[in-house]
Amino acid sequence: MGTSSASIRCQFLLVFGDSLLQPQYSVFGTVGEPGLRALEEVAAAGDDGSSPLGGGRPLIPMRIVAVG
């Protein structure tokens, strides 16, 4: 198994609402109440529609500064 710059990056996805998570992805934790309120605010602002499955990048940026 080789490595490439694409395989050594860390990526994750915050899913808002129901989603069909593809089998190559794993569920990693849940979002607490304060984080859920922030996620709802970002979702309410909309997305750019860039995903062919629906949705896309949020129109307002969100930065995760701590995981706990």
C-alpha atoms as a PDB file:
ATOM      1  CA  MET A   1       0.000   0.000   0.000  1.00  0.00           C
ATOM      2  CA  GLY A   2       1.534   3.273  -1.097  1.00  0.00           C
ATOM      3  CA  THR A   3       1.064   6.717   0.262  1.00  0.00           C
ATOM      4  CA  SER A   4       0.244   9.873  -1.573  1.00  0.00           C
ATOM      5  CA  SER A   5      -0.410  13.422  -0.471  1.00  0.00           C
ATOM      6  CA  ALA A   6      -4.142  12.690  -0.776  1.00  0.00           C
ATOM      7  CA  SER A   7      -3.996   9.670   1.523  1.00  0.00           C
ATOM      8  CA  ILE A   8      -2.143  11.352   4.390  1.00  0.00           C
ATOM      9  CA  ARG A   9      -4.532  14.268   4.852  1.00  0.00           C
ATOM     10  CA  CYS A  10      -7.128  14.312   7.572  1.00  0.00           C
ATOM     11  CA  GLN A  11     -10.643  15.037   6.395  1.00  0.00           C
ATOM     12  CA  PHE A  12     -13.990  14.841   8.071  1.00  0.00           C
ATOM     13  CA  LEU A  13     -17.536  15.772   7.341  1.00  0.00           C
ATOM     14  CA  LEU A  14     -20.204  17.300   9.536  1.00  0.00           C
ATOM     15  CA  VAL A  15     -23.547  15.975   8.390  1.00  0.00           C
ATOM     16  CA  PHE A  16     -26.640  18.034   9.067  1.00  0.00           C
ATOM     17  CA  GLY A  17     -29.800  15.962   8.690  1.00  0.00           C
ATOM     18  CA  ASP A  18     -30.204  12.552   7.115  1.00  0.00           C
ATOM     19  CA  SER A  19     -27.421  11.391   4.834  1.00  0.00           C
ATOM     20  CA  LEU A  20     -26.350   8.259   2.996  1.00  0.00           C
ATOM     21  CA  LEU A  21     -22.817   7.820   4.319  1.00  0.00           C
ATOM     22  CA  GLN A  22     -20.747   5.769   1.885  1.00  0.00           C
ATOM     23  CA  PRO A  23     -19.181   2.589   3.330  1.00  0.00           C
ATOM     24  CA  GLN A  24     -15.580   3.837   3.109  1.00  0.00           C
ATOM     25  CA  TYR A  25     -16.363   6.471   5.766  1.00  0.00           C
ATOM     26  CA  SER A  26     -16.572   5.897   9.518  1.00  0.00           C
ATOM     27  CA  VAL A  27     -18.719   7.675  12.071  1.00  0.00           C
ATOM     28  CA  PHE A  28     -16.533   9.590  14.525  1.00  0.00           C
ATOM     29  CA  GLY A  29     -18.436  10.931  17.520  1.00  0.00           C
ATOM     30  CA  THR A  30     -21.400  13.224  17.847  1.00  0.00           C
ATOM     31  CA  VAL A  31     -21.983  16.953  18.136  1.00  0.00           C
ATOM     32  CA  GLY A  32     -22.941  18.364  21.552  1.00  0.00           C
ATOM     33  CA  GLU A  33     -25.673  20.946  22.113  1.00  0.00           C
ATOM     34  CA  PRO A  34     -23.433  24.068  21.765  1.00  0.00           C
ATOM     35  CA  GLY A  35     -21.907  22.677  18.574  1.00  0.00           C
ATOM     36  CA  LEU A  36     -25.317  21.721  17.241  1.00  0.00           C
ATOM     37  CA  ARG A  37     -26.525  25.308  17.623  1.00  0.00           C
ATOM     38  CA  ALA A  38     -23.494  26.534  15.645  1.00  0.00           C
ATOM     39  CA  LEU A  39     -24.066  23.850  13.002  1.00  0.00           C
ATOM     40  CA  GLU A  40     -27.737  24.873  12.685  1.00  0.00           C
ATOM     41  CA  GLU A  41     -26.656  28.500  12.135  1.00  0.00           C
ATOM     42  CA  VAL A  42     -24.235  27.487   9.384  1.00  0.00           C
ATOM     43  CA  ALA A  43     -26.853  25.222   7.764  1.00  0.00           C
ATOM     44  CA  ALA A  44     -29.470  28.005   7.841  1.00  0.00           C
ATOM     45  CA  ALA A  45     -27.125  30.246   5.830  1.00  0.00           C
ATOM     46  CA  GLY A  46     -27.136  27.690   2.995  1.00  0.00           C
ATOM     47  CA  ASP A  47     -24.488  26.079   0.824  1.00  0.00           C
ATOM     48  CA  ASP A  48     -22.955  26.539  -2.615  1.00  0.00           C
ATOM     49  CA  GLY A  49     -24.672  23.496  -4.151  1.00  0.00           C
ATOM     50  CA  SER A  50     -21.325  22.023  -5.237  1.00  0.00           C
ATOM     51  CA  SER A  51     -22.091  18.419  -4.240  1.00  0.00           C
ATOM     52  CA  PRO A  52     -23.757  16.250  -6.892  1.00  0.00           C
ATOM     53  CA  LEU A  53     -25.436  14.352  -4.023  1.00  0.00           C
ATOM     54  CA  GLY A  54     -27.046  17.538  -2.696  1.00  0.00           C
ATOM     55  CA  GLY A  55     -25.682  20.303  -0.535  1.00  0.00           C
ATOM     56  CA  GLY A  56     -22.126  21.568  -0.751  1.00  0.00           C
ATOM     57  CA  ARG A  57     -19.697  23.860   1.041  1.00  0.00           C
ATOM     58  CA  PRO A  58     -21.296  26.158   3.601  1.00  0.00           C
ATOM     59  CA  LEU A  59     -21.711  29.790   2.585  1.00  0.00           C
ATOM     60  CA  ILE A  60     -20.323  30.947   5.934  1.00  0.00           C
ATOM     61  CA  PRO A  61     -17.057  29.477   7.217  1.00  0.00           C
ATOM     62  CA  MET A  62     -16.874  27.383  10.364  1.00  0.00           C
ATOM     63  CA  ARG A  63     -13.669  26.618  12.253  1.00  0.00           C
ATOM     64  CA  ILE A  64     -13.387  23.833  14.804  1.00  0.00           C
ATOM     65  CA  VAL A  65     -10.903  24.918  17.462  1.00  0.00           C
ATOM     66  CA  ALA A  66     -11.320  22.128  20.004  1.00  0.00           C
ATOM     67  CA  VAL A  67     -12.589  18.578  20.243  1.00  0.00           C
ATOM     68  CA  GLY A  68     -13.509  17.340  23.654  1.00  0.00           C
END
